[in-house]
Amino acid sequence: MRNERDLPEAELRQRAREAMRKGDLPRSPAAQIWGGRGTGLACVVCGSPIGADEVEYELVEGDGGDVFRFHLPCHSVWQFECAPTHAAS
């Protein structure tokens, strides 16, 4: 069975752009991010759980404390889509 995080980069980028467009993901990179053992919760980009054998990247956005969790490839594509040259596309 194929895991969502194994999707091609183009598909992950499209999902990140869509989540940003809908307001489900911030449109700019976070000032701080933490990494640690996966908690089993879903990645905000691909939707797959982040297993305990994986690194989970977590950022907290704004005063409301919205928490976003990512696999490394998913975090990377989100950061790429936040770049000024890609934010308008």
C-alpha atoms as a PDB file:
ATOM      1  CA  MET A   1       0.000   0.000   0.000  1.00  0.00           C
ATOM      2  CA  ARG A   2       1.369   3.391  -0.973  1.00  0.00           C
ATOM      3  CA  ASN A   3       1.753   5.980   1.758  1.00  0.00           C
ATOM      4  CA  GLU A   4       0.619   9.548   1.098  1.00  0.00           C
ATOM      5  CA  ARG A   5       4.023  10.928   2.082  1.00  0.00           C
ATOM      6  CA  ASP A   6       5.510   8.914  -0.797  1.00  0.00           C
ATOM      7  CA  LEU A   7       3.624  11.044  -3.302  1.00  0.00           C
ATOM      8  CA  PRO A   8       5.649  12.783  -6.008  1.00  0.00           C
ATOM      9  CA  GLU A   9       6.995  16.204  -5.056  1.00  0.00           C
ATOM     10  CA  ALA A  10       4.671  17.913  -7.549  1.00  0.00           C
ATOM     11  CA  GLU A  11       1.626  16.407  -5.816  1.00  0.00           C
ATOM     12  CA  LEU A  12       2.901  17.402  -2.362  1.00  0.00           C
ATOM     13  CA  ARG A  13       3.538  20.948  -3.630  1.00  0.00           C
ATOM     14  CA  GLN A  14       0.014  21.134  -5.056  1.00  0.00           C
ATOM     15  CA  ARG A  15      -1.436  19.979  -1.729  1.00  0.00           C
ATOM     16  CA  ALA A  16       0.645  22.548   0.166  1.00  0.00           C
ATOM     17  CA  ARG A  17      -0.489  25.355  -2.191  1.00  0.00           C
ATOM     18  CA  GLU A  18      -4.123  24.321  -1.813  1.00  0.00           C
ATOM     19  CA  ALA A  19      -3.869  24.217   1.991  1.00  0.00           C
ATOM     20  CA  MET A  20      -2.263  27.679   1.951  1.00  0.00           C
ATOM     21  CA  ARG A  21      -4.979  29.001  -0.363  1.00  0.00           C
ATOM     22  CA  LYS A  22      -7.700  27.665   1.955  1.00  0.00           C
ATOM     23  CA  GLY A  23      -5.977  29.088   5.030  1.00  0.00           C
ATOM     24  CA  ASP A  24      -5.168  25.659   6.474  1.00  0.00           C
ATOM     25  CA  LEU A  25      -1.415  26.395   6.347  1.00  0.00           C
ATOM     26  CA  PRO A  26       0.460  29.651   6.970  1.00  0.00           C
ATOM     27  CA  ARG A  27       1.669  31.495   3.868  1.00  0.00           C
ATOM     28  CA  SER A  28       5.062  32.326   5.340  1.00  0.00           C
ATOM     29  CA  PRO A  29       7.689  30.199   7.078  1.00  0.00           C
ATOM     30  CA  ALA A  30       7.697  30.042  10.849  1.00  0.00           C
ATOM     31  CA  ALA A  31      10.328  31.791  12.909  1.00  0.00           C
ATOM     32  CA  GLN A  32      10.716  28.657  15.025  1.00  0.00           C
ATOM     33  CA  ILE A  33      10.232  24.974  14.372  1.00  0.00           C
ATOM     34  CA  TRP A  34      10.801  21.954  16.565  1.00  0.00           C
ATOM     35  CA  GLY A  35      11.703  18.426  15.621  1.00  0.00           C
ATOM     36  CA  GLY A  36      11.278  15.217  17.523  1.00  0.00           C
ATOM     37  CA  ARG A  37       9.971  11.692  17.430  1.00  0.00           C
ATOM     38  CA  GLY A  38       6.740  11.241  15.513  1.00  0.00           C
ATOM     39  CA  THR A  39       3.557  11.220  17.569  1.00  0.00           C
ATOM     40  CA  GLY A  40       1.355   9.272  15.173  1.00  0.00           C
ATOM     41  CA  LEU A  41      -0.654  12.379  14.323  1.00  0.00           C
ATOM     42  CA  ALA A  42      -1.330  13.339  10.710  1.00  0.00           C
ATOM     43  CA  CYS A  43       0.983  15.474   8.603  1.00  0.00           C
ATOM     44  CA  VAL A  44      -0.758  18.689   7.584  1.00  0.00           C
ATOM     45  CA  VAL A  45       0.398  18.399   3.950  1.00  0.00           C
ATOM     46  CA  CYS A  46       0.039  14.731   3.008  1.00  0.00           C
ATOM     47  CA  GLY A  47      -2.386  13.556   5.701  1.00  0.00           C
ATOM     48  CA  SER A  48      -0.379  10.449   6.615  1.00  0.00           C
ATOM     49  CA  PRO A  49       0.470   9.714  10.244  1.00  0.00           C
ATOM     50  CA  ILE A  50       3.989  10.590  11.375  1.00  0.00           C
ATOM     51  CA  GLY A  51       5.225   7.377  12.956  1.00  0.00           C
ATOM     52  CA  ALA A  52       7.391   7.054  16.049  1.00  0.00           C
ATOM     53  CA  ASP A  53      10.236   5.877  13.790  1.00  0.00           C
ATOM     54  CA  GLU A  54      10.097   9.182  11.858  1.00  0.00           C
ATOM     55  CA  VAL A  55      11.067  12.747  12.695  1.00  0.00           C
ATOM     56  CA  GLU A  56       8.110  15.069  13.177  1.00  0.00           C
ATOM     57  CA  TYR A  57       8.554  18.773  12.464  1.00  0.00           C
ATOM     58  CA  GLU A  58       6.197  20.979  14.423  1.00  0.00           C
ATOM     59  CA  LEU A  59       5.502  24.664  14.349  1.00  0.00           C
ATOM     60  CA  VAL A  60       3.112  26.776  16.370  1.00  0.00           C
ATOM     61  CA  GLU A  61       1.612  29.743  14.568  1.00  0.00           C
ATOM     62  CA  GLY A  62       0.295  32.922  16.127  1.00  0.00           C
ATOM     63  CA  ASP A  63      -1.198  33.649  19.503  1.00  0.00           C
ATOM     64  CA  GLY A  64      -3.961  31.124  18.893  1.00  0.00           C
ATOM     65  CA  GLY A  65      -1.380  28.387  19.053  1.00  0.00           C
ATOM     66  CA  ASP A  66      -2.315  26.589  15.836  1.00  0.00           C
ATOM     67  CA  VAL A  67      -0.010  23.560  15.625  1.00  0.00           C
ATOM     68  CA  PHE A  68       1.190  22.221  12.275  1.00  0.00           C
ATOM     69  CA  ARG A  69       2.981  18.869  11.995  1.00  0.00           C
ATOM     70  CA  PHE A  70       5.021  17.752   8.987  1.00  0.00           C
ATOM     71  CA  HIS A  71       7.168  14.945   7.614  1.00  0.00           C
ATOM     72  CA  LEU A  72      10.529  16.298   6.412  1.00  0.00           C
ATOM     73  CA  PRO A  73       9.634  16.172   2.668  1.00  0.00           C
ATOM     74  CA  CYS A  74       6.267  17.794   3.361  1.00  0.00           C
ATOM     75  CA  HIS A  75       7.855  20.561   5.430  1.00  0.00           C
ATOM     76  CA  SER A  76      10.401  21.161   2.666  1.00  0.00           C
ATOM     77  CA  VAL A  77       7.763  21.574  -0.044  1.00  0.00           C
ATOM     78  CA  TRP A  78       5.720  23.885   2.187  1.00  0.00           C
ATOM     79  CA  GLN A  79       8.800  26.075   2.775  1.00  0.00           C
ATOM     80  CA  PHE A  80       9.461  26.098  -0.972  1.00  0.00           C
ATOM     81  CA  GLU A  81       5.883  27.200  -1.665  1.00  0.00           C
ATOM     82  CA  CYS A  82       6.232  29.973   0.937  1.00  0.00           C
ATOM     83  CA  ALA A  83       9.177  31.482  -0.947  1.00  0.00           C
ATOM     84  CA  PRO A  84       8.295  34.878  -2.475  1.00  0.00           C
ATOM     85  CA  THR A  85       8.918  33.668  -6.031  1.00  0.00           C
ATOM     86  CA  HIS A  86       6.367  30.870  -5.581  1.00  0.00           C
ATOM     87  CA  ALA A  87       3.789  32.499  -3.306  1.00  0.00           C
ATOM     88  CA  ALA A  88       2.042  34.251  -6.200  1.00  0.00           C
ATOM     89  CA  SER A  89       1.558  31.063  -8.257  1.00  0.00           C
END
